Protein backbone atom coordinates (compact mmCIF):
# COMPACT_ATOMS: atom_id res chain seq x y z
CA MET A 1 0.00 0.00 0.00
CA ILE A 2 1.23 3.49 -0.91
CA ARG A 3 -0.14 6.43 1.04
CA LYS A 4 0.71 9.98 2.06
CA ALA A 5 3.43 10.01 4.70
CA GLU A 6 2.58 11.02 8.24
CA LYS A 7 4.89 12.53 10.83
CA SER A 8 4.89 9.17 12.60
CA ASP A 9 6.60 7.71 9.47
CA TYR A 10 9.54 10.10 9.55
CA GLU A 11 11.88 7.96 11.68
CA GLU A 12 11.35 4.95 9.41
CA MET A 13 11.76 7.14 6.32
CA ASP A 14 15.03 8.41 7.74
CA LEU A 15 16.20 4.83 8.20
CA VAL A 16 15.21 3.96 4.61
CA PHE A 17 17.09 7.01 3.31
CA ARG A 18 20.23 6.32 5.32
CA GLU A 19 20.36 2.59 4.58
CA SER A 20 19.54 3.03 0.90
CA ALA A 21 22.12 5.78 0.34
CA LYS A 22 24.82 3.79 2.14
CA ALA A 23 24.07 0.57 0.23
CA LEU A 24 23.36 1.93 -3.25
CA CYS A 25 25.09 5.29 -3.67
CA ILE A 26 28.44 4.16 -2.34
CA ARG A 27 29.17 2.56 -5.72
CA ASN A 28 29.10 5.92 -7.49
CA TYR A 29 30.37 8.37 -4.88
CA GLU A 30 33.26 8.55 -2.47
CA THR A 31 32.45 6.72 0.77
CA SER A 32 33.18 9.87 2.77
CA GLN A 33 30.68 11.86 0.64
CA VAL A 34 27.92 9.33 1.24
CA LEU A 35 28.64 9.10 4.96
CA ASP A 36 28.63 12.90 5.26
CA TRP A 37 25.37 13.04 3.31
CA VAL A 38 23.51 10.50 5.43
CA GLY A 39 25.03 11.82 8.65
CA GLN A 40 23.38 10.85 11.91
CA PRO A 41 19.72 9.89 12.22
CA TRP A 42 17.71 13.04 11.57
CA ALA A 43 14.00 12.45 11.02
CA GLU A 44 13.42 16.21 11.17
CA ARG A 45 14.77 16.42 7.60
CA PHE A 46 11.28 15.40 6.49
CA ILE A 47 9.61 18.19 8.46
CA GLU A 48 11.87 20.68 6.68
CA SER A 49 11.13 19.04 3.36
CA ALA A 50 7.35 19.09 3.91
CA ASN A 51 7.60 22.77 4.89
CA LYS A 52 9.17 23.43 1.46
CA GLY A 53 6.05 22.09 -0.27
CA ASN A 54 7.17 18.53 -0.87
CA ASP A 55 4.47 15.88 -0.84
CA GLN A 56 5.77 12.71 0.79
CA PHE A 57 4.53 9.20 0.11
CA VAL A 58 5.41 5.88 1.69
CA LYS A 59 5.11 2.26 0.63
CA ILE A 60 4.19 0.03 3.54
CA SER A 61 5.02 -3.67 3.52
CA ASN A 62 4.72 -5.99 6.50
CA GLY A 63 3.79 -3.00 8.65
CA LYS A 64 6.91 -0.95 7.91
CA VAL A 65 8.04 1.76 5.53
CA VAL A 66 10.11 0.12 2.79
CA CYS A 67 10.12 2.97 0.26
CA PHE A 68 9.34 6.66 0.15
CA ALA A 69 9.20 9.41 -2.42
CA GLU A 70 9.02 13.19 -2.37
CA LEU A 71 7.23 15.12 -5.09
CA ASN A 72 6.97 18.88 -5.46
CA ILE A 73 4.00 19.66 -7.69
CA LYS A 74 4.64 23.43 -7.72
CA ASN A 75 8.24 22.96 -8.89
CA LEU A 76 7.37 20.09 -11.31
CA LYS A 77 9.99 18.02 -9.53
CA LEU A 78 10.45 14.49 -8.29
CA ASN A 79 12.86 15.05 -5.43
CA SER A 80 13.61 11.48 -4.46
CA ILE A 81 12.70 7.85 -4.29
CA PHE A 82 14.52 5.67 -1.77
CA VAL A 83 13.99 1.95 -1.26
CA LEU A 84 15.15 -0.11 1.71
CA PRO A 85 18.08 -2.18 0.33
CA THR A 86 16.50 -5.55 1.19
CA TYR A 87 13.55 -4.59 -1.07
CA VAL A 88 15.58 -3.41 -4.07
CA GLY A 89 14.86 -5.40 -7.23
CA LYS A 90 11.37 -6.41 -6.12
CA GLY A 91 9.47 -3.80 -8.12
CA ILE A 92 8.83 -1.45 -5.19
CA GLY A 93 10.72 1.50 -6.66
CA GLN A 94 8.84 0.93 -9.92
CA GLU A 95 5.53 0.83 -8.08
CA MET A 96 6.38 4.08 -6.31
CA LEU A 97 7.44 5.80 -9.54
CA ASN A 98 4.19 4.73 -11.23
CA PHE A 99 2.29 6.17 -8.26
CA ILE A 100 4.24 9.45 -8.56
CA PHE A 101 3.47 9.62 -12.29
CA SER A 102 -0.21 9.18 -11.47
CA GLU A 103 -0.12 11.92 -8.80
CA ALA A 104 1.68 14.29 -11.18
CA GLN A 105 -0.84 13.64 -13.96
CA LYS A 106 -3.77 14.16 -11.57
CA ALA A 107 -2.23 17.54 -10.72
CA GLY A 108 -2.11 18.40 -14.42
CA LEU A 109 1.67 18.33 -14.81
CA GLN A 110 3.05 17.97 -18.33
CA TYR A 111 6.45 16.77 -17.19
CA LEU A 112 8.60 15.97 -14.16
CA ASP A 113 12.20 17.00 -13.61
CA LEU A 114 14.69 15.45 -11.23
CA ASP A 115 18.31 15.59 -10.20
CA ALA A 116 19.17 11.90 -10.30
CA SER A 117 21.94 10.42 -8.23
CA LEU A 118 24.49 8.69 -10.46
CA ASN A 119 23.40 5.24 -9.29
CA ALA A 120 19.74 5.87 -10.25
CA VAL A 121 20.16 7.25 -13.78
CA ASN A 122 19.52 3.93 -15.56
CA PHE A 123 16.37 3.25 -13.51
CA TYR A 124 14.95 6.62 -14.51
CA MET A 125 15.99 6.23 -18.16
CA ARG A 126 14.17 2.88 -18.31
CA ASN A 127 11.09 4.76 -17.14
CA GLY A 128 11.00 7.52 -19.73
CA PHE A 129 13.31 10.15 -18.25
CA LYS A 130 15.85 11.74 -20.58
CA LYS A 131 19.11 13.37 -19.56
CA TYR A 132 19.42 17.07 -20.26
CA GLY A 133 22.32 18.14 -18.07
CA ILE A 134 24.94 17.41 -15.46
CA SER A 135 24.94 19.33 -12.22
CA LYS A 136 26.14 19.54 -8.68
CA PHE A 137 23.31 18.85 -6.26
CA THR A 138 23.52 20.29 -2.76
CA THR A 139 21.84 18.05 -0.19
CA GLN A 140 19.83 19.33 2.78
CA ASN A 141 22.89 19.13 4.99
CA GLY A 142 25.20 20.84 2.50
CA VAL A 143 27.00 17.90 0.88
CA VAL A 144 27.57 18.50 -2.85
CA LEU A 145 27.04 15.48 -5.11
CA ASP A 146 27.35 15.02 -8.86
CA SER A 147 23.92 14.47 -10.37
CA VAL A 148 22.21 14.12 -13.72
CA GLN A 149 19.38 16.47 -14.59
CA MET A 150 16.54 14.52 -16.16
CA ARG A 151 13.02 15.15 -17.45
CA CYS A 152 10.11 12.86 -18.22
CA VAL A 153 7.25 14.10 -20.38
CA LEU A 154 4.08 12.68 -18.91
CA GLY A 155 1.43 10.97 -21.02
CA THR A 156 -1.96 12.55 -21.29
């Protein structure tokens, strides 16, 4: 089940983010960069994110958050999808992305942009996103990461 995130989900979302980044991003970034990025547990990051207009969604499986995504309708931007490493390859990220596409279309968006982490570029390309630039993405806690700017034109 995918639903809107609640404040009570933030600690689990933080765990998903930290575990996912450490397991999956470490292949494409320096270990020190990833460790600085994930930092210490900090569930409040999601309060700050929600206050910036980001809609947050969670996938629940066996009573726990196994995936989350952040979408900013106003900015036409998919901010992130993170999947708990033990659930990677089981279609959960795909399910979440399909849900995000549906939410974006319901909101009348013509396209979605994102700054993809290097490890996620192929996933997004398989799902209709096209590269249009390379950038430096500054995370919430100030770590600068190489990223790929991508856009997906949404079907009507």
